[in-house]
Amino acid sequence: MQAEFTIAKSNVGHMDGSSVIGRFGNLMARVFGCWHAELSRPFSRNGRAYRKCLSCGAQRQFNVAKWQMQGTFFYQN
């Protein structure tokens, strides 16, 4: 009977290439602007409805009664 052992690699403190590229893209979108072409479906949280840009994370108010976005995009910390 043979036992197989594998040593798992810990990723603590390391970032893979895709997360670095994602963070870099987010930074570039904030600095140079984002067209907000890909938006999430409307979300409601704490009595506030909004849609979120899938590229940069900016949010925009959403009026559920009129089914329209309102105001300008903003970044929430």
Protein backbone atom coordinates (compact mmCIF):
# COMPACT_ATOMS: atom_id res chain seq x y z
CA MET A 1 0.00 0.00 0.00
CA GLN A 2 1.44 3.32 -1.05
CA ALA A 3 0.55 6.65 0.47
CA GLU A 4 0.67 9.74 -1.67
CA PHE A 5 1.52 13.05 -0.11
CA THR A 6 1.32 16.46 -1.69
CA ILE A 7 2.71 19.64 -0.29
CA ALA A 8 0.34 22.54 -0.71
CA LYS A 9 1.90 25.83 -1.64
CA SER A 10 0.86 28.74 0.55
CA ASN A 11 -0.17 31.92 -1.26
CA VAL A 12 -0.07 34.06 1.86
CA GLY A 13 1.67 37.30 1.03
CA HIS A 14 1.86 36.49 -2.69
CA MET A 15 -0.29 37.77 -5.50
CA ASP A 16 -0.87 35.86 -8.70
CA GLY A 17 -0.61 37.56 -12.08
CA SER A 18 -4.35 37.94 -12.62
CA SER A 19 -4.91 39.86 -9.37
CA VAL A 20 -1.98 42.18 -10.15
CA ILE A 21 -3.42 42.87 -13.62
CA GLY A 22 -6.88 43.41 -12.14
CA ARG A 23 -5.60 45.88 -9.57
CA PHE A 24 -3.53 47.68 -12.20
CA GLY A 25 -6.55 47.92 -14.51
CA ASN A 26 -8.66 49.31 -11.67
CA LEU A 27 -6.00 51.94 -10.94
CA MET A 28 -5.72 52.94 -14.61
CA ALA A 29 -9.51 53.22 -14.90
CA ARG A 30 -9.58 55.56 -11.90
CA VAL A 31 -6.71 57.70 -13.19
CA PHE A 32 -7.59 57.89 -16.89
CA GLY A 33 -11.31 57.27 -16.67
CA CYS A 34 -13.58 54.34 -17.37
CA TRP A 35 -16.40 54.18 -19.87
CA HIS A 36 -18.50 52.06 -17.47
CA ALA A 37 -19.52 49.83 -20.38
CA GLU A 38 -20.22 46.72 -18.28
CA LEU A 39 -22.62 47.28 -15.40
CA SER A 40 -24.01 44.86 -12.86
CA ARG A 41 -27.68 44.20 -12.40
CA PRO A 42 -29.39 46.51 -9.87
CA PHE A 43 -28.60 45.72 -6.23
CA SER A 44 -30.41 46.90 -3.14
CA ARG A 45 -28.57 47.19 0.16
CA ASN A 46 -29.53 49.08 3.32
CA GLY A 47 -32.46 50.70 1.53
CA ARG A 48 -30.28 51.99 -1.31
CA ALA A 49 -30.44 50.65 -4.86
CA TYR A 50 -27.44 50.92 -7.17
CA ARG A 51 -25.59 49.43 -10.14
CA LYS A 52 -21.86 48.84 -10.16
CA CYS A 53 -19.29 49.03 -12.98
CA LEU A 54 -17.69 45.62 -13.38
CA SER A 55 -14.43 47.14 -14.64
CA CYS A 56 -13.61 49.81 -12.07
CA GLY A 57 -16.10 49.35 -9.21
CA ALA A 58 -17.80 52.75 -9.49
CA GLN A 59 -21.41 52.83 -8.32
CA ARG A 60 -24.44 54.77 -9.55
CA GLN A 61 -27.80 55.29 -7.85
CA PHE A 62 -30.68 53.30 -9.30
CA ASN A 63 -34.35 54.26 -9.11
CA VAL A 64 -36.34 51.03 -8.86
CA ALA A 65 -39.70 52.73 -9.49
CA LYS A 66 -38.58 54.24 -12.81
CA TRP A 67 -36.06 51.48 -13.56
CA GLN A 68 -33.41 54.10 -14.42
CA MET A 69 -30.00 55.10 -13.16
CA GLN A 70 -29.71 58.54 -11.54
CA GLY A 71 -26.88 60.87 -10.66
CA THR A 72 -23.21 60.43 -11.44
CA PHE A 73 -20.87 57.52 -10.79
CA PHE A 74 -19.00 57.51 -7.49
CA TYR A 75 -16.49 55.31 -5.68
CA GLN A 76 -17.45 54.05 -2.25
CA ASN A 77 -14.65 53.16 0.17
